[in-house]
Protein backbone atom coordinates (compact mmCIF):
# COMPACT_ATOMS: atom_id res chain seq x y z
CA UNK A 1 -7.18 -28.55 8.82
CA UNK A 2 -9.04 -25.57 10.29
CA UNK A 3 -6.83 -22.45 10.12
CA UNK A 4 -7.67 -19.21 11.91
CA UNK A 5 -6.18 -16.25 10.05
CA UNK A 6 -5.81 -13.33 12.48
CA UNK A 7 -5.68 -9.96 10.70
CA UNK A 8 -5.62 -6.36 11.88
CA UNK A 9 -6.99 -3.39 9.94
CA UNK A 10 -6.95 -5.00 6.51
CA UNK A 11 -8.69 -8.05 5.02
CA UNK A 12 -11.54 -8.27 4.16
CA UNK A 13 -12.42 -4.61 4.80
CA UNK A 14 -9.70 -2.81 2.83
CA UNK A 15 -7.60 -3.40 -0.25
CA UNK A 16 -3.82 -3.37 -0.12
CA UNK A 17 -0.79 -5.63 -0.21
CA UNK A 18 -1.52 -7.54 3.01
CA UNK A 19 -5.19 -8.01 2.09
CA UNK A 20 -4.24 -9.31 -1.36
CA UNK A 21 -1.79 -11.71 0.26
CA UNK A 22 -4.43 -13.09 2.65
CA UNK A 23 -7.00 -13.50 -0.12
CA UNK A 24 -4.48 -15.28 -2.33
CA UNK A 25 -3.38 -17.59 0.47
CA UNK A 26 -6.92 -18.68 1.28
CA UNK A 27 -7.70 -19.32 -2.37
CA UNK A 28 -4.49 -21.31 -2.80
CA UNK A 29 -5.38 -23.83 -0.07
CA UNK A 30 -8.95 -24.95 -0.86
CA UNK A 31 -8.33 -28.18 1.02
CA UNK A 32 -8.18 -26.22 4.30
CA UNK A 33 -11.01 -24.50 6.14
CA UNK A 34 -10.29 -20.89 7.11
CA UNK A 35 -11.74 -18.74 9.87
CA UNK A 36 -11.05 -15.00 9.74
CA UNK A 37 -10.49 -13.31 13.09
CA UNK A 38 -10.48 -9.64 12.12
CA UNK A 39 -9.44 -6.72 14.31
CA UNK A 40 -11.18 -3.48 13.31
CA UNK A 41 -11.70 -0.11 14.93
CA UNK A 42 -15.43 -0.15 15.71
CA UNK A 43 -18.78 -1.82 15.15
CA UNK A 44 -19.37 0.61 12.26
CA UNK A 45 -17.09 -1.68 10.21
CA UNK A 46 -19.15 -4.77 10.91
CA UNK A 47 -19.57 -6.89 7.79
CA UNK A 48 -18.38 -4.18 5.40
CA UNK A 49 -16.28 -6.44 3.23
CA UNK A 50 -14.66 -5.27 0.01
CA UNK A 51 -13.65 -8.83 -0.90
CA UNK A 52 -15.92 -11.69 -1.87
CA UNK A 53 -14.91 -14.37 0.59
CA UNK A 54 -13.69 -17.68 -0.87
CA UNK A 55 -15.88 -20.73 -0.32
CA UNK A 56 -13.43 -22.23 2.18
CA UNK A 57 -13.92 -19.28 4.57
CA UNK A 58 -16.54 -20.60 6.97
CA UNK A 59 -16.62 -17.88 9.63
CA UNK A 60 -15.63 -14.26 10.24
CA UNK A 61 -15.21 -13.08 13.84
CA UNK A 62 -14.68 -9.41 14.63
CA UNK A 63 -12.90 -7.65 17.49
CA UNK A 64 -13.67 -3.93 17.92
CA UNK A 65 -10.79 -2.09 19.57
CA UNK A 66 -12.75 1.15 20.00
CA UNK A 67 -16.00 -0.41 21.14
CA UNK A 68 -18.28 1.81 23.22
CA UNK A 69 -19.56 -1.09 25.30
CA UNK A 70 -17.31 -1.35 28.35
CA UNK A 71 -19.66 -3.71 30.14
CA UNK A 72 -21.61 -3.10 33.35
CA UNK A 73 -20.71 -0.67 36.12
CA UNK A 74 -20.48 -3.15 38.96
CA UNK A 75 -17.42 -3.27 41.19
CA UNK A 76 -14.63 -5.52 40.03
CA UNK A 77 -12.00 -6.73 42.50
CA UNK A 78 -9.13 -9.03 41.70
CA UNK A 79 -7.59 -11.63 43.96
CA UNK A 80 -3.94 -11.22 44.89
CA UNK A 81 -2.61 -13.35 42.00
CA UNK A 82 -4.73 -11.47 39.47
CA UNK A 83 -3.74 -8.08 40.84
CA UNK A 84 -0.06 -9.01 40.73
CA UNK A 85 -0.50 -10.05 37.09
CA UNK A 86 -2.11 -6.67 36.30
CA UNK A 87 0.70 -4.92 38.13
CA UNK A 88 3.32 -6.90 36.18
CA UNK A 89 1.68 -5.78 32.94
CA UNK A 90 1.68 -2.09 33.79
CA UNK A 91 5.19 -2.12 35.23
CA UNK A 92 6.48 -4.44 32.47
CA UNK A 93 8.08 -6.76 35.02
CA UNK A 94 8.01 -10.43 33.92
CA UNK A 95 4.41 -10.14 32.76
CA UNK A 96 2.15 -12.96 33.97
CA UNK A 97 0.15 -13.27 30.73
CA UNK A 98 -1.28 -16.68 31.68
CA UNK A 99 -3.08 -15.32 34.73
CA UNK A 100 -4.34 -12.31 32.77
CA UNK A 101 -5.71 -14.53 29.99
CA UNK A 102 -7.38 -16.83 32.52
CA UNK A 103 -8.88 -13.85 34.37
CA UNK A 104 -10.39 -12.17 31.30
CA UNK A 105 -11.55 -15.38 29.61
CA UNK A 106 -13.01 -17.13 32.64
CA UNK A 107 -14.22 -14.30 34.87
CA UNK A 108 -15.11 -11.96 31.98
CA UNK A 109 -15.01 -8.77 34.09
CA UNK A 110 -16.79 -5.55 33.27
CA UNK A 111 -14.14 -3.37 31.64
CA UNK A 112 -15.88 -0.30 32.99
CA UNK A 113 -15.71 -1.75 36.48
CA UNK A 114 -12.08 -2.73 36.06
CA UNK A 115 -10.77 0.50 34.51
CA UNK A 116 -12.72 2.66 36.95
CA UNK A 117 -11.98 0.40 39.92
CA UNK A 118 -9.50 0.40 42.77
CA UNK A 119 -7.16 -2.29 41.44
CA UNK A 120 -6.42 -0.48 38.19
CA UNK A 121 -6.11 2.83 40.09
CA UNK A 122 -3.56 1.37 42.52
CA UNK A 123 -1.47 -0.25 39.77
CA UNK A 124 -1.45 2.95 37.71
CA UNK A 125 -0.54 5.00 40.81
CA UNK A 126 2.51 2.83 41.45
CA UNK A 127 3.61 3.08 37.81
CA UNK A 128 3.05 6.85 37.91
CA UNK A 129 5.12 7.34 41.07
CA UNK A 130 7.99 5.27 39.69
CA UNK A 131 8.29 6.95 36.28
CA UNK A 132 5.94 9.85 35.51
CA UNK A 133 5.22 11.84 38.67
CA UNK A 134 6.13 15.11 36.91
CA UNK A 135 2.82 15.18 34.99
CA UNK A 136 -0.76 15.65 36.21
CA UNK A 137 -2.05 12.35 37.61
CA UNK A 138 -5.62 12.78 36.32
CA UNK A 139 -4.38 13.13 32.74
CA UNK A 140 -2.03 10.20 33.20
CA UNK A 141 -4.80 7.97 34.56
CA UNK A 142 -7.09 8.65 31.62
CA UNK A 143 -4.24 8.08 29.20
CA UNK A 144 -3.60 4.69 30.81
CA UNK A 145 -7.27 3.80 30.50
CA UNK A 146 -7.17 4.66 26.80
CA UNK A 147 -4.08 2.48 26.32
CA UNK A 148 -5.40 -0.56 28.18
CA UNK A 149 -9.01 -0.53 27.00
CA UNK A 150 -8.21 -2.05 23.54
CA UNK A 151 -5.85 -4.60 25.10
CA UNK A 152 -8.52 -5.62 27.63
CA UNK A 153 -11.08 -5.94 24.82
CA UNK A 154 -8.56 -8.23 23.13
CA UNK A 155 -7.97 -10.35 26.24
CA UNK A 156 -11.73 -10.73 26.71
CA UNK A 157 -12.39 -11.79 23.09
CA UNK A 158 -14.11 -15.16 22.67
CA UNK A 159 -11.84 -17.05 20.30
CA UNK A 160 -12.89 -19.49 17.58
CA UNK A 161 -11.23 -22.86 17.97
CA UNK A 162 -8.83 -23.94 15.23
CA UNK A 163 -6.04 -26.39 14.52
CA UNK A 164 -3.60 -23.61 13.62
CA UNK A 165 -3.50 -19.85 14.22
CA UNK A 166 -1.80 -17.71 11.59
CA UNK A 167 -1.35 -14.06 12.61
CA UNK A 168 -0.44 -11.42 10.05
CA UNK A 169 1.30 -9.21 12.59
CA UNK A 170 2.21 -9.05 16.25
CA UNK A 171 0.35 -6.37 18.26
CA UNK A 172 -3.26 -7.18 19.11
CA UNK A 173 -3.30 -9.98 16.52
CA UNK A 174 -0.28 -11.55 18.20
CA UNK A 175 -2.01 -11.33 21.59
CA UNK A 176 -5.03 -13.19 20.18
CA UNK A 177 -2.81 -15.87 18.69
CA UNK A 178 -0.91 -16.24 21.96
CA UNK A 179 -4.19 -16.55 23.85
CA UNK A 180 -5.39 -19.27 21.48
CA UNK A 181 -2.18 -21.24 21.90
CA UNK A 182 -2.52 -21.03 25.69
CA UNK A 183 -6.20 -21.99 25.70
CA UNK A 184 -6.33 -24.65 22.98
CA UNK A 185 -2.73 -25.82 22.61
CA UNK A 186 -2.78 -25.09 18.87
CA UNK A 187 0.40 -24.00 17.07
CA UNK A 188 0.97 -20.34 16.23
CA UNK A 189 2.55 -18.74 13.16
CA UNK A 190 3.35 -15.02 12.93
CA UNK A 191 3.87 -13.70 9.38
CA UNK A 192 4.93 -10.05 9.43
CA UNK A 193 4.72 -8.05 6.21
CA UNK A 194 6.06 -5.03 8.03
CA UNK A 195 7.61 -4.92 11.47
CA UNK A 196 4.57 -3.99 13.55
CA UNK A 197 6.41 -2.48 16.51
CA UNK A 198 8.58 -0.26 14.31
CA UNK A 199 5.59 0.89 12.26
CA UNK A 200 3.67 1.87 15.39
CA UNK A 201 6.72 3.73 16.71
CA UNK A 202 6.98 5.72 13.47
CA UNK A 203 3.27 6.58 13.61
CA UNK A 204 3.42 7.65 17.25
CA UNK A 205 6.48 9.83 16.79
CA UNK A 206 4.60 11.80 14.12
CA UNK A 207 1.18 11.67 15.78
CA UNK A 208 -0.50 14.86 16.98
CA UNK A 209 -3.18 13.16 19.09
CA UNK A 210 -0.65 11.97 21.70
CA UNK A 211 1.94 14.28 23.19
CA UNK A 212 5.29 14.17 24.97
CA UNK A 213 6.11 11.31 27.29
CA UNK A 214 2.77 9.63 26.57
CA UNK A 215 4.24 8.56 23.23
CA UNK A 216 6.80 6.48 25.14
CA UNK A 217 4.10 4.73 27.17
CA UNK A 218 2.22 3.81 23.99
CA UNK A 219 5.37 2.61 22.24
CA UNK A 220 6.29 0.41 25.21
CA UNK A 221 2.81 -1.07 25.17
CA UNK A 222 3.25 -2.25 21.58
CA UNK A 223 6.65 -3.68 22.47
CA UNK A 224 5.10 -5.72 25.29
CA UNK A 225 2.55 -7.23 22.94
CA UNK A 226 5.13 -8.01 20.27
CA UNK A 227 7.41 -9.72 22.80
CA UNK A 228 4.49 -11.93 23.85
CA UNK A 229 3.79 -12.94 20.25
CA UNK A 230 7.44 -13.66 19.48
CA UNK A 231 7.81 -15.65 22.68
CA UNK A 232 4.74 -17.84 22.11
CA UNK A 233 4.98 -18.31 18.33
CA UNK A 234 6.20 -21.60 16.90
CA UNK A 235 7.36 -19.89 13.70
CA UNK A 236 7.90 -16.23 12.78
CA UNK A 237 8.21 -15.41 9.09
CA UNK A 238 9.32 -12.21 7.39
CA UNK A 239 9.47 -11.12 3.77
CA UNK A 240 13.17 -10.30 3.54
CA UNK A 241 16.40 -10.70 5.49
CA UNK A 242 16.62 -7.22 7.01
CA UNK A 243 13.13 -7.62 8.45
CA UNK A 244 14.21 -10.91 10.02
CA UNK A 245 17.15 -9.11 11.61
CA UNK A 246 14.80 -6.46 13.02
CA UNK A 247 12.60 -9.18 14.52
CA UNK A 248 15.62 -10.66 16.28
CA UNK A 249 16.59 -7.20 17.57
CA UNK A 250 13.08 -6.94 19.01
CA UNK A 251 13.61 -10.12 21.06
CA UNK A 252 12.29 -12.75 18.66
CA UNK A 253 14.31 -15.97 19.16
CA UNK A 254 16.45 -16.40 16.04
CA UNK A 255 15.70 -20.12 15.72
CA UNK A 256 12.02 -19.31 15.16
CA UNK A 257 12.62 -16.94 12.24
CA UNK A 258 12.30 -17.71 8.55
CA UNK A 259 12.29 -15.57 5.40
CA UNK A 260 9.38 -16.29 3.02
CA UNK A 261 9.25 -13.68 0.22
CA UNK A 262 6.06 -12.46 -1.40
CA UNK A 263 4.97 -13.95 -4.68
CA UNK A 264 2.68 -13.01 -7.56
CA UNK A 265 1.19 -14.74 -10.60
CA UNK A 266 3.66 -13.46 -13.18
CA UNK A 267 1.61 -14.95 -16.01
CA UNK A 268 -1.31 -12.66 -15.10
CA UNK A 269 0.75 -9.66 -16.23
CA UNK A 270 1.70 -10.89 -19.66
CA UNK A 271 0.13 -9.53 -22.85
CA UNK A 272 -1.51 -6.61 -21.05
CA UNK A 273 -3.38 -4.01 -23.11
CA UNK A 274 -0.85 -1.45 -24.34
CA UNK A 275 -1.02 2.26 -24.98
CA UNK A 276 -4.15 3.81 -26.48
CA UNK A 277 -4.73 6.85 -28.65
CA UNK A 278 -5.16 8.84 -25.44
CA UNK A 279 -1.55 7.96 -24.54
CA UNK A 280 -0.02 9.15 -27.80
CA UNK A 281 2.89 11.46 -27.05
CA UNK A 282 2.56 10.84 -23.30
CA UNK A 283 5.04 9.38 -20.84
CA UNK A 284 2.82 7.66 -18.29
CA UNK A 285 3.86 7.34 -14.65
CA UNK A 286 1.72 4.90 -12.65
CA UNK A 287 1.30 4.98 -8.87
CA UNK A 288 -0.66 1.94 -7.63
CA UNK A 289 -1.54 2.76 -4.03
CA UNK A 290 -4.16 3.69 -1.47
CA UNK A 291 -4.45 7.47 -1.18
CA UNK A 292 -3.35 7.65 2.45
CA UNK A 293 -0.64 9.44 4.48
CA UNK A 294 1.62 6.39 4.73
CA UNK A 295 1.93 6.40 0.93
CA UNK A 296 2.95 10.09 1.01
CA UNK A 297 0.92 11.01 -2.06
CA UNK A 298 1.55 14.70 -1.38
CA UNK A 299 5.28 14.29 -1.96
CA UNK A 300 4.50 12.30 -5.09
CA UNK A 301 2.32 15.10 -6.46
CA UNK A 302 4.85 17.80 -5.69
CA UNK A 303 7.76 15.85 -7.19
CA UNK A 304 5.71 15.08 -10.27
CA UNK A 305 4.87 18.78 -10.58
CA UNK A 306 8.56 19.70 -10.61
CA UNK A 307 9.28 17.03 -13.23
CA UNK A 308 6.29 18.08 -15.33
CA UNK A 309 7.64 21.62 -15.57
CA UNK A 310 10.74 20.25 -17.30
CA UNK A 311 9.09 17.44 -19.27
CA UNK A 312 5.58 18.41 -20.45
CA UNK A 313 4.88 14.95 -21.91
CA UNK A 314 4.60 13.42 -18.41
CA UNK A 315 1.25 12.20 -17.11
CA UNK A 316 0.60 10.79 -13.62
CA UNK A 317 -1.95 8.08 -12.92
CA UNK A 318 -2.79 7.60 -9.22
CA UNK A 319 -4.48 4.22 -9.23
CA UNK A 320 -6.20 3.12 -6.05
CA UNK A 321 -8.99 3.88 -3.57
CA UNK A 322 -9.19 7.06 -1.53
CA UNK A 323 -12.01 6.14 0.88
CA UNK A 324 -9.63 4.99 3.64
CA UNK A 325 -8.76 8.59 4.58
CA UNK A 326 -11.11 10.95 2.78
CA UNK A 327 -9.69 14.04 4.50
CA UNK A 328 -6.18 13.24 3.28
CA UNK A 329 -7.50 12.42 -0.19
CA UNK A 330 -9.26 15.79 -0.31
CA UNK A 331 -5.98 17.48 0.65
CA UNK A 332 -4.35 15.73 -2.32
CA UNK A 333 -7.10 16.81 -4.71
CA UNK A 334 -6.75 20.38 -3.50
CA UNK A 335 -2.95 20.23 -3.83
CA UNK A 336 -3.36 19.36 -7.51
CA UNK A 337 -5.58 22.42 -7.92
CA UNK A 338 -3.33 24.72 -5.90
CA UNK A 339 -0.29 23.72 -7.96
CA UNK A 340 -2.32 24.00 -11.18
CA UNK A 341 -1.04 20.53 -12.08
CA UNK A 342 -1.99 19.22 -15.48
CA UNK A 343 -2.25 15.57 -16.49
CA UNK A 344 -2.89 14.06 -13.05
CA UNK A 345 -5.60 11.38 -12.93
CA UNK A 346 -7.05 9.79 -9.78
CA UNK A 347 -8.72 6.62 -11.05
CA UNK A 348 -10.10 5.29 -7.77
CA UNK A 349 -10.11 1.54 -7.27
CA UNK A 350 -9.32 -0.24 -10.55
CA UNK A 351 -8.14 -3.52 -12.00
CA UNK A 352 -4.45 -2.72 -12.27
CA UNK A 353 -4.02 -5.13 -15.18
CA UNK A 354 -6.20 -2.87 -17.32
CA UNK A 355 -3.82 0.06 -16.83
CA UNK A 356 -0.31 -1.26 -16.15
CA UNK A 357 0.46 -2.05 -19.79
CA UNK A 358 -0.04 1.63 -20.63
CA UNK A 359 2.54 2.82 -18.13
CA UNK A 360 6.16 3.69 -18.93
CA UNK A 361 7.22 3.38 -15.29
CA UNK A 362 5.69 2.97 -11.84
CA UNK A 363 6.37 4.94 -8.67
CA UNK A 364 5.94 4.49 -4.92
CA UNK A 365 6.80 7.31 -2.48
CA UNK A 366 5.78 5.60 0.76
CA UNK A 367 7.22 6.42 4.16
CA UNK A 368 6.76 2.79 5.25
CA UNK A 369 6.49 -0.47 3.32
CA UNK A 370 7.17 -4.17 3.63
CA UNK A 371 7.78 -5.90 0.32
CA UNK A 372 5.35 -4.12 -2.02
CA UNK A 373 3.34 -6.29 -4.37
CA UNK A 374 2.93 -3.26 -6.64
CA UNK A 375 6.66 -3.31 -7.42
CA UNK A 376 6.54 -7.04 -8.17
CA UNK A 377 3.54 -6.51 -10.44
CA UNK A 378 5.38 -3.69 -12.19
CA UNK A 379 8.31 -6.02 -12.82
CA UNK A 380 6.01 -8.77 -14.09
CA UNK A 381 4.71 -6.27 -16.66
CA UNK A 382 8.33 -5.34 -17.54
CA UNK A 383 7.99 -1.81 -16.15
CA UNK A 384 10.81 -0.17 -14.15
CA UNK A 385 9.97 1.16 -10.69
CA UNK A 386 10.90 4.26 -8.72
CA UNK A 387 10.54 3.80 -4.97
CA UNK A 388 11.63 5.36 -1.70
CA UNK A 389 14.19 3.51 0.38
CA UNK A 390 11.79 1.85 2.82
CA UNK A 391 11.11 -1.77 3.65
CA UNK A 392 12.48 -4.06 0.96
CA UNK A 393 12.10 -1.57 -1.90
CA UNK A 394 15.87 -1.25 -2.35
CA UNK A 395 16.28 -5.01 -2.32
CA UNK A 396 13.62 -5.46 -4.99
CA UNK A 397 14.93 -2.71 -7.26
CA UNK A 398 18.67 -3.21 -6.85
CA UNK A 399 18.63 -6.95 -6.29
CA UNK A 400 20.05 -8.85 -3.34
CA UNK A 401 23.13 -10.41 -4.84
CA UNK A 402 21.43 -11.79 -7.96
CA UNK A 403 23.79 -9.92 -10.31
CA UNK A 404 21.00 -8.72 -12.59
CA UNK A 405 21.43 -5.00 -11.94
CA UNK A 406 18.98 -2.19 -11.26
CA UNK A 407 15.31 -2.51 -12.18
CA UNK A 408 14.56 1.12 -11.39
CA UNK A 409 15.68 3.94 -9.13
CA UNK A 410 15.69 4.22 -5.32
CA UNK A 411 15.23 7.63 -3.66
CA UNK A 412 15.18 8.98 -0.13
CA UNK A 413 11.87 9.55 1.68
CA UNK A 414 10.21 12.92 0.92
CA UNK A 415 13.19 14.07 -1.16
CA UNK A 416 11.26 15.91 -3.85
CA UNK A 417 14.32 16.73 -5.94
CA UNK A 418 15.54 13.12 -6.01
CA UNK A 419 12.08 11.80 -6.87
CA UNK A 420 11.54 14.36 -9.65
CA UNK A 421 15.02 13.68 -11.07
CA UNK A 422 14.29 9.94 -11.09
CA UNK A 423 11.07 10.55 -13.03
CA UNK A 424 12.91 12.78 -15.50
CA UNK A 425 15.75 10.30 -15.98
CA UNK A 426 13.44 7.44 -16.91
CA UNK A 427 11.25 9.75 -18.99
CA UNK A 428 14.22 10.87 -21.11
CA UNK A 429 15.92 7.47 -21.46
CA UNK A 430 13.49 5.02 -23.09
CA UNK A 431 16.23 2.45 -23.75
CA UNK A 432 17.10 2.44 -20.03
CA UNK A 433 13.43 2.05 -19.14
CA UNK A 434 13.25 -1.02 -21.33
CA UNK A 435 16.48 -2.49 -19.96
CA UNK A 436 15.42 -1.94 -16.33
CA UNK A 437 11.98 -3.37 -17.02
CA UNK A 438 13.57 -6.54 -18.38
CA UNK A 439 15.80 -6.81 -15.31
CA UNK A 440 12.72 -6.54 -13.10
CA UNK A 441 10.99 -9.25 -15.10
CA UNK A 442 13.93 -11.63 -14.71
CA UNK A 443 14.09 -10.88 -10.98
CA UNK A 444 10.42 -11.51 -10.26
CA UNK A 445 10.49 -14.74 -12.29
CA UNK A 446 13.55 -16.01 -10.44
CA UNK A 447 12.45 -15.39 -6.86
CA UNK A 448 8.99 -13.88 -6.43
CA UNK A 449 6.55 -16.22 -8.15
CA UNK A 450 3.40 -17.13 -6.31
CA UNK A 451 4.01 -20.86 -6.69
CA UNK A 452 7.29 -20.45 -4.78
CA UNK A 453 5.53 -18.63 -1.94
CA UNK A 454 2.73 -21.16 -1.79
CA UNK A 455 5.16 -24.07 -1.80
CA UNK A 456 6.88 -22.56 1.22
CA UNK A 457 3.59 -22.25 3.11
CA UNK A 458 2.41 -25.65 1.91
CA UNK A 459 5.42 -27.16 3.66
CA UNK A 460 4.77 -25.06 6.77
CA UNK A 461 1.09 -26.03 6.95
CA UNK A 462 1.89 -29.70 6.33
CA UNK A 463 4.49 -29.72 9.09
CA UNK A 464 2.02 -28.25 11.58
CA UNK A 465 -0.79 -30.53 10.41
CA UNK A 466 1.39 -33.58 11.00
CA UNK A 467 2.42 -32.27 14.39
CA UNK A 468 -1.25 -31.70 15.18
CA UNK A 469 -1.96 -35.40 14.81
CA UNK A 470 -0.22 -35.88 18.14
CA UNK A 471 -2.24 -35.28 21.27
CA UNK A 472 -2.38 -31.65 22.33
CA UNK A 473 -2.84 -30.74 25.99
CA UNK A 474 -3.87 -27.08 26.30
CA UNK A 475 -2.12 -25.25 29.11
CA UNK A 476 -5.48 -23.83 30.19
CA UNK A 477 -6.90 -27.34 30.69
CA UNK A 478 -3.97 -28.17 32.91
CA UNK A 479 -4.71 -25.35 35.38
């Protein structure tokens, strides 16, 4: 079976939980051929892979959302049906996605001609008069162009043909998967590690580059795309029950939803190298993460500083790459200097198995997560975890009705006092660290093993492969 894995902003260009999941999935199904359809920001990312692609990856296709090539400058006019479809998209009124897909795929219009043309101007004007006439129209028009340019690039993308499309989020990836199902009749799976719409909402609320009511227009745009993906998907998976509930709240039909937890190779984290002479007398705190704003490394550093003042034996290891956001990383380096923090090490990208055995605990202070693999890896190494109450962190640490007890401590987001107190508690109670680490180990073995995850997807892939043996009649061919 030929499977097209549709990813956005991760594999194979960046490390992280979702990227690791994709890489593991492809390696676990060598009998299937995989095509990667990757959504990245610009052509500057072209081919810059940080993963060595498995042998069963036969093709990588790239979509650039911030491409500078808008196409020619010729006039572009739509017929009445096409214009009404564009209008339905802008006004969010029973969107005619089929006509839009057909228009962009078959007529392949110049995006410059479309965005600068009369049809887009008229549709935007109507939307403006209905909802946003209190702001300057020129600013509003350019904002609408900036919103719809990446979506139009997506709708115009030439798609590789596959037997199954597996999208790792909704958003632009979900649009591509929905297009493929319409054009080729192939089944569509959406596997969300985080809830895409909610994550974009959180980012936009905090964003400085978009102001006021424009935030609402952007948020609604992401909701439109997610509704399309949920509507067209044959199966929508999530990592934990609360995420499944959120999907349903965002208009995903409940009968399509299924919980498939993450999994890791627990055996890979046994008999890890232990403490060295360098660690003598130290209480090591390990943070396995990308140095980026969403991981809130600044709060981590500040909380560690407060704990360090009261427990000098503490040492913080920040283990992960910082190239994703070099400006933020530099802010973190400078914060360490400004606070005169001692015993803080930024390792850069490392093999976590070479360090995890030396840690006394791990910590994650993110403002958004799904079901972090770093916590599962910590448990596999019998290390307790401190984490903020985001995503499924509470479920992993406290258990979800398994009766095992706490495998660490959960804190509130950006609560420096809570985080520092959690570090101090585990630092000063070695017996509790050991007990919690053992609880985590039992929990990961019981529910979060990689063979369990792969068995779930083996069944899913087999079901779709068998269904694919029947004749498929693409909707596009029927037009």
